[in-house]
Amino acid sequence: MAQAVLPVEGLPGSPLDAAAAFHVRFVEQARTALGDADNLVLIFAPADHTHRGWRLAAVQELAREAAPKRVNAAVGTDQAAMAELFAYLDAAPGVTGQILAVDGKSGETR
């Protein structure tokens, strides 16, 4: 099987409204994507700390429901760093239910 990637776009700025919109617009899409894949990565745009709670709860519940398939999320806009993360998650069978921030700078040494 393969990895599925689902961009989560167009959510309201308010955390409560964003959570409600996510559940209405994206949960069924995530379930459908998992039908053809063994792992799913949701892509969220960067947001402030008030969005972390609902995002983590949604990702964890999707992961529980999908087990033994895996569900994770990435937050960021750096396409090269996202590609590296997708490759890592595709080869990391023990990682599920996580939100990973991807900025292309973390872990750099200079």
Protein backbone atom coordinates (compact mmCIF):
# COMPACT_ATOMS: atom_id res chain seq x y z
CA MET A 1 0.00 0.00 0.00
CA ALA A 2 0.97 3.63 -0.20
CA GLN A 3 0.99 6.83 1.75
CA ALA A 4 -1.86 9.30 1.37
CA VAL A 5 -1.44 13.04 1.91
CA LEU A 6 -4.45 15.25 2.65
CA PRO A 7 -4.04 19.05 2.71
CA VAL A 8 -6.41 20.61 5.23
CA GLU A 9 -7.19 24.05 3.82
CA GLY A 10 -9.70 26.84 4.19
CA LEU A 11 -10.46 26.50 7.90
CA PRO A 12 -11.68 29.48 9.94
CA GLY A 13 -9.25 31.34 12.20
CA SER A 14 -11.13 30.61 15.42
CA PRO A 15 -10.03 27.29 16.98
CA LEU A 16 -13.57 26.20 17.82
CA ASP A 17 -14.87 27.05 14.36
CA ALA A 18 -11.83 25.44 12.73
CA ALA A 19 -12.38 22.22 14.68
CA ALA A 20 -16.05 22.12 13.69
CA ALA A 21 -15.22 22.76 10.03
CA PHE A 22 -12.48 20.10 10.06
CA HIS A 23 -14.89 17.46 11.36
CA VAL A 24 -17.53 18.37 8.79
CA ARG A 25 -15.24 18.75 5.77
CA PHE A 26 -12.19 16.56 6.30
CA VAL A 27 -12.90 13.55 8.54
CA GLU A 28 -14.70 11.61 5.82
CA GLN A 29 -12.00 12.55 3.31
CA ALA A 30 -9.39 11.18 5.73
CA ARG A 31 -11.30 7.92 6.16
CA THR A 32 -11.63 7.57 2.39
CA ALA A 33 -7.92 8.26 1.84
CA LEU A 34 -7.05 5.56 4.37
CA GLY A 35 -9.03 3.03 2.36
CA ASP A 36 -6.29 3.00 -0.27
CA ALA A 37 -3.28 3.62 1.95
CA ASP A 38 -1.54 2.22 5.00
CA ASN A 39 -0.69 5.65 6.37
CA LEU A 40 -2.09 9.16 6.05
CA VAL A 41 -0.45 12.52 6.62
CA LEU A 42 -2.74 15.51 7.14
CA ILE A 43 -1.15 18.84 6.27
CA PHE A 44 -2.18 21.81 8.39
CA ALA A 45 -1.13 25.40 7.80
CA PRO A 46 0.77 27.03 10.65
CA ALA A 47 -1.49 28.43 13.37
CA ASP A 48 -1.07 29.72 16.89
CA HIS A 49 -1.04 27.50 19.98
CA THR A 50 -4.83 27.66 20.40
CA HIS A 51 -5.24 25.18 17.52
CA ARG A 52 -2.93 22.49 18.90
CA GLY A 53 -5.47 20.83 21.20
CA TRP A 54 -8.22 20.17 18.67
CA ARG A 55 -5.73 19.18 15.98
CA LEU A 56 -3.99 16.67 18.23
CA ALA A 57 -7.29 15.19 19.42
CA ALA A 58 -8.51 14.79 15.82
CA VAL A 59 -5.27 13.17 14.64
CA GLN A 60 -5.14 10.82 17.63
CA GLU A 61 -8.76 9.71 17.21
CA LEU A 62 -8.31 9.13 13.49
CA ALA A 63 -5.19 7.09 14.29
CA ARG A 64 -7.04 4.98 16.87
CA GLU A 65 -9.90 4.38 14.47
CA ALA A 66 -7.58 3.46 11.60
CA ALA A 67 -5.21 1.15 13.50
CA PRO A 68 -3.17 -0.71 12.41
CA LYS A 69 -2.96 1.92 9.69
CA ARG A 70 -1.25 5.14 10.74
CA VAL A 71 -2.37 8.78 10.83
CA ASN A 72 -0.09 11.72 11.49
CA ALA A 73 -0.11 15.43 10.74
CA ALA A 74 2.46 17.92 9.54
CA VAL A 75 2.32 21.67 10.12
CA GLY A 76 4.35 23.87 7.84
CA THR A 77 4.90 25.29 4.39
CA ASP A 78 8.48 24.27 3.49
CA GLN A 79 7.94 21.83 0.61
CA ALA A 80 11.42 20.27 0.72
CA ALA A 81 11.16 19.66 4.47
CA MET A 82 7.65 18.24 3.99
CA ALA A 83 8.93 15.79 1.38
CA GLU A 84 11.61 14.60 3.82
CA LEU A 85 8.99 14.17 6.54
CA PHE A 86 6.69 12.19 4.22
CA ALA A 87 9.57 9.85 3.36
CA TYR A 88 10.40 9.41 7.04
CA LEU A 89 6.78 8.68 8.02
CA ASP A 90 6.38 6.25 5.14
CA ALA A 91 9.28 4.21 6.55
CA ALA A 92 8.41 4.61 10.26
CA PRO A 93 5.79 1.98 11.09
CA GLY A 94 5.72 2.86 14.79
CA VAL A 95 4.85 6.54 14.41
CA THR A 96 1.16 7.38 14.57
CA GLY A 97 -1.13 9.94 16.19
CA GLN A 98 1.50 12.71 16.07
CA ILE A 99 1.61 16.30 14.88
CA LEU A 100 5.02 17.27 13.57
CA ALA A 101 6.10 20.86 12.93
CA VAL A 102 8.08 21.19 9.72
CA ASP A 103 9.96 24.42 9.14
CA GLY A 104 13.07 23.28 7.30
CA LYS A 105 15.27 24.70 10.06
CA SER A 106 14.82 22.45 13.09
CA GLY A 107 17.79 20.23 13.71
CA GLU A 108 20.17 22.24 11.54
CA THR A 109 23.73 22.65 12.70
CA ARG A 110 25.91 25.54 11.69
